[in-house]
Amino acid sequence: MPRRKTSLKSNRVSKRKHTRNLKVKLQLKKTIKKFQELITKKDAEAKVFISKVFSQLDKAAKKNIIPASTANRRKSRLARRLGKSA
């Protein structure tokens, strides 16, 4: 257990940030999973839905929740899967 006030505060802040980051990551995973289901069903809605996925990936990268290179790699792979399914 930390003794100093600054240590206590940093613990509180890190816990808050962790829950916020976790919430964004879980939402991102759900969106990507839904997009992949649309691709496997060969649904035309997937072309519209990809913009939502890209937006969420970019926002997560902007907030440093995931690295920018990871976001770019995922966007590239998802776009490639969409192209192959079309």
C-alpha atoms as a PDB file:
ATOM      1  CA  MET A   1       0.000   0.000   0.000  1.00  0.00           C
ATOM      2  CA  PRO A   2       1.444   3.383  -0.985  1.00  0.00           C
ATOM      3  CA  ARG A   3       2.157   5.857   1.750  1.00  0.00           C
ATOM      4  CA  ARG A   4       2.529   9.156  -0.067  1.00  0.00           C
ATOM      5  CA  LYS A   5      -0.358  11.250  -1.302  1.00  0.00           C
ATOM      6  CA  THR A   6       1.090  11.420  -4.789  1.00  0.00           C
ATOM      7  CA  SER A   7       1.315   7.635  -4.958  1.00  0.00           C
ATOM      8  CA  LEU A   8      -2.276   7.301  -3.843  1.00  0.00           C
ATOM      9  CA  LYS A   9      -3.399   9.818  -6.445  1.00  0.00           C
ATOM     10  CA  SER A  10      -1.403   8.163  -9.217  1.00  0.00           C
ATOM     11  CA  ASN A  11      -3.056   4.854  -8.346  1.00  0.00           C
ATOM     12  CA  ARG A  12      -6.497   6.441  -8.611  1.00  0.00           C
ATOM     13  CA  VAL A  13      -5.646   8.086 -11.923  1.00  0.00           C
ATOM     14  CA  SER A  14      -4.160   4.939 -13.415  1.00  0.00           C
ATOM     15  CA  LYS A  15      -7.231   2.930 -12.390  1.00  0.00           C
ATOM     16  CA  ARG A  16      -9.514   5.496 -14.058  1.00  0.00           C
ATOM     17  CA  LYS A  17      -7.441   5.481 -17.237  1.00  0.00           C
ATOM     18  CA  HIS A  18      -7.336   1.690 -17.261  1.00  0.00           C
ATOM     19  CA  THR A  19     -11.109   1.373 -17.114  1.00  0.00           C
ATOM     20  CA  ARG A  20     -11.555   4.028 -19.813  1.00  0.00           C
ATOM     21  CA  ASN A  21      -9.007   2.333 -22.083  1.00  0.00           C
ATOM     22  CA  LEU A  22     -10.549  -1.072 -21.462  1.00  0.00           C
ATOM     23  CA  LYS A  23     -13.979   0.232 -22.410  1.00  0.00           C
ATOM     24  CA  VAL A  24     -12.651   1.626 -25.706  1.00  0.00           C
ATOM     25  CA  LYS A  25     -10.755  -1.584 -26.492  1.00  0.00           C
ATOM     26  CA  LEU A  26     -13.781  -3.786 -25.847  1.00  0.00           C
ATOM     27  CA  GLN A  27     -15.995  -1.566 -28.019  1.00  0.00           C
ATOM     28  CA  LEU A  28     -13.378  -1.723 -30.773  1.00  0.00           C
ATOM     29  CA  LYS A  29     -13.227  -5.523 -30.573  1.00  0.00           C
ATOM     30  CA  LYS A  30     -17.020  -5.777 -30.808  1.00  0.00           C
ATOM     31  CA  THR A  31     -17.089  -3.513 -33.852  1.00  0.00           C
ATOM     32  CA  ILE A  32     -14.341  -5.454 -35.632  1.00  0.00           C
ATOM     33  CA  LYS A  33     -16.072  -8.751 -34.861  1.00  0.00           C
ATOM     34  CA  LYS A  34     -19.357  -7.438 -36.262  1.00  0.00           C
ATOM     35  CA  PHE A  35     -17.529  -6.244 -39.393  1.00  0.00           C
ATOM     36  CA  GLN A  36     -15.942  -9.661 -39.871  1.00  0.00           C
ATOM     37  CA  GLU A  37     -19.354 -11.315 -39.551  1.00  0.00           C
ATOM     38  CA  LEU A  38     -20.690  -8.995 -42.251  1.00  0.00           C
ATOM     39  CA  ILE A  39     -17.796  -9.996 -44.498  1.00  0.00           C
ATOM     40  CA  THR A  40     -18.405 -13.716 -43.991  1.00  0.00           C
ATOM     41  CA  LYS A  41     -22.107 -13.225 -44.791  1.00  0.00           C
ATOM     42  CA  LYS A  42     -21.033 -11.239 -47.890  1.00  0.00           C
ATOM     43  CA  ASP A  43     -23.356  -8.463 -46.807  1.00  0.00           C
ATOM     44  CA  ALA A  44     -23.279  -5.213 -48.793  1.00  0.00           C
ATOM     45  CA  GLU A  45     -23.485  -3.299 -45.517  1.00  0.00           C
ATOM     46  CA  ALA A  46     -19.835  -4.198 -44.837  1.00  0.00           C
ATOM     47  CA  LYS A  47     -18.657  -1.518 -47.285  1.00  0.00           C
ATOM     48  CA  VAL A  48     -20.525   1.123 -45.289  1.00  0.00           C
ATOM     49  CA  PHE A  49     -19.557  -0.327 -41.906  1.00  0.00           C
ATOM     50  CA  ILE A  50     -15.817  -0.255 -42.637  1.00  0.00           C
ATOM     51  CA  SER A  51     -15.780   3.512 -42.187  1.00  0.00           C
ATOM     52  CA  LYS A  52     -17.055   3.080 -38.612  1.00  0.00           C
ATOM     53  CA  VAL A  53     -14.326   0.533 -37.904  1.00  0.00           C
ATOM     54  CA  PHE A  54     -11.653   2.823 -39.360  1.00  0.00           C
ATOM     55  CA  SER A  55     -12.955   5.727 -37.307  1.00  0.00           C
ATOM     56  CA  GLN A  56     -12.789   3.766 -34.065  1.00  0.00           C
ATOM     57  CA  LEU A  57      -9.280   2.512 -34.844  1.00  0.00           C
ATOM     58  CA  ASP A  58      -8.094   6.043 -35.594  1.00  0.00           C
ATOM     59  CA  LYS A  59      -9.628   7.424 -32.392  1.00  0.00           C
ATOM     60  CA  ALA A  60      -8.033   4.682 -30.295  1.00  0.00           C
ATOM     61  CA  ALA A  61      -4.661   5.406 -31.884  1.00  0.00           C
ATOM     62  CA  LYS A  62      -5.093   9.146 -31.355  1.00  0.00           C
ATOM     63  CA  LYS A  63      -5.756   8.578 -27.639  1.00  0.00           C
ATOM     64  CA  ASN A  64      -2.702   6.255 -27.416  1.00  0.00           C
ATOM     65  CA  ILE A  65      -4.885   3.319 -26.412  1.00  0.00           C
ATOM     66  CA  ILE A  66      -3.345   1.277 -29.221  1.00  0.00           C
ATOM     67  CA  PRO A  67      -0.195   2.150 -31.164  1.00  0.00           C
ATOM     68  CA  ALA A  68      -0.695   3.990 -34.457  1.00  0.00           C
ATOM     69  CA  SER A  69       1.131   1.295 -36.415  1.00  0.00           C
ATOM     70  CA  THR A  70      -1.202  -1.356 -34.987  1.00  0.00           C
ATOM     71  CA  ALA A  71      -4.228   0.662 -36.054  1.00  0.00           C
ATOM     72  CA  ASN A  72      -2.808   1.079 -39.560  1.00  0.00           C
ATOM     73  CA  ARG A  73      -2.005  -2.627 -39.830  1.00  0.00           C
ATOM     74  CA  ARG A  74      -5.499  -3.646 -38.733  1.00  0.00           C
ATOM     75  CA  LYS A  75      -7.087  -1.182 -41.169  1.00  0.00           C
ATOM     76  CA  SER A  76      -4.982  -2.575 -43.986  1.00  0.00           C
ATOM     77  CA  ARG A  77      -5.859  -6.179 -43.191  1.00  0.00           C
ATOM     78  CA  LEU A  78      -9.574  -5.451 -42.838  1.00  0.00           C
ATOM     79  CA  ALA A  79      -9.628  -3.537 -46.121  1.00  0.00           C
ATOM     80  CA  ARG A  80      -7.837  -6.432 -47.812  1.00  0.00           C
ATOM     81  CA  ARG A  81     -10.411  -8.909 -46.459  1.00  0.00           C
ATOM     82  CA  LEU A  82     -13.222  -6.695 -47.703  1.00  0.00           C
ATOM     83  CA  GLY A  83     -11.613  -6.554 -51.154  1.00  0.00           C
ATOM     84  CA  LYS A  84     -11.223 -10.327 -51.319  1.00  0.00           C
ATOM     85  CA  SER A  85     -14.828 -10.943 -50.310  1.00  0.00           C
ATOM     86  CA  ALA A  86     -16.239  -8.557 -52.918  1.00  0.00           C
END
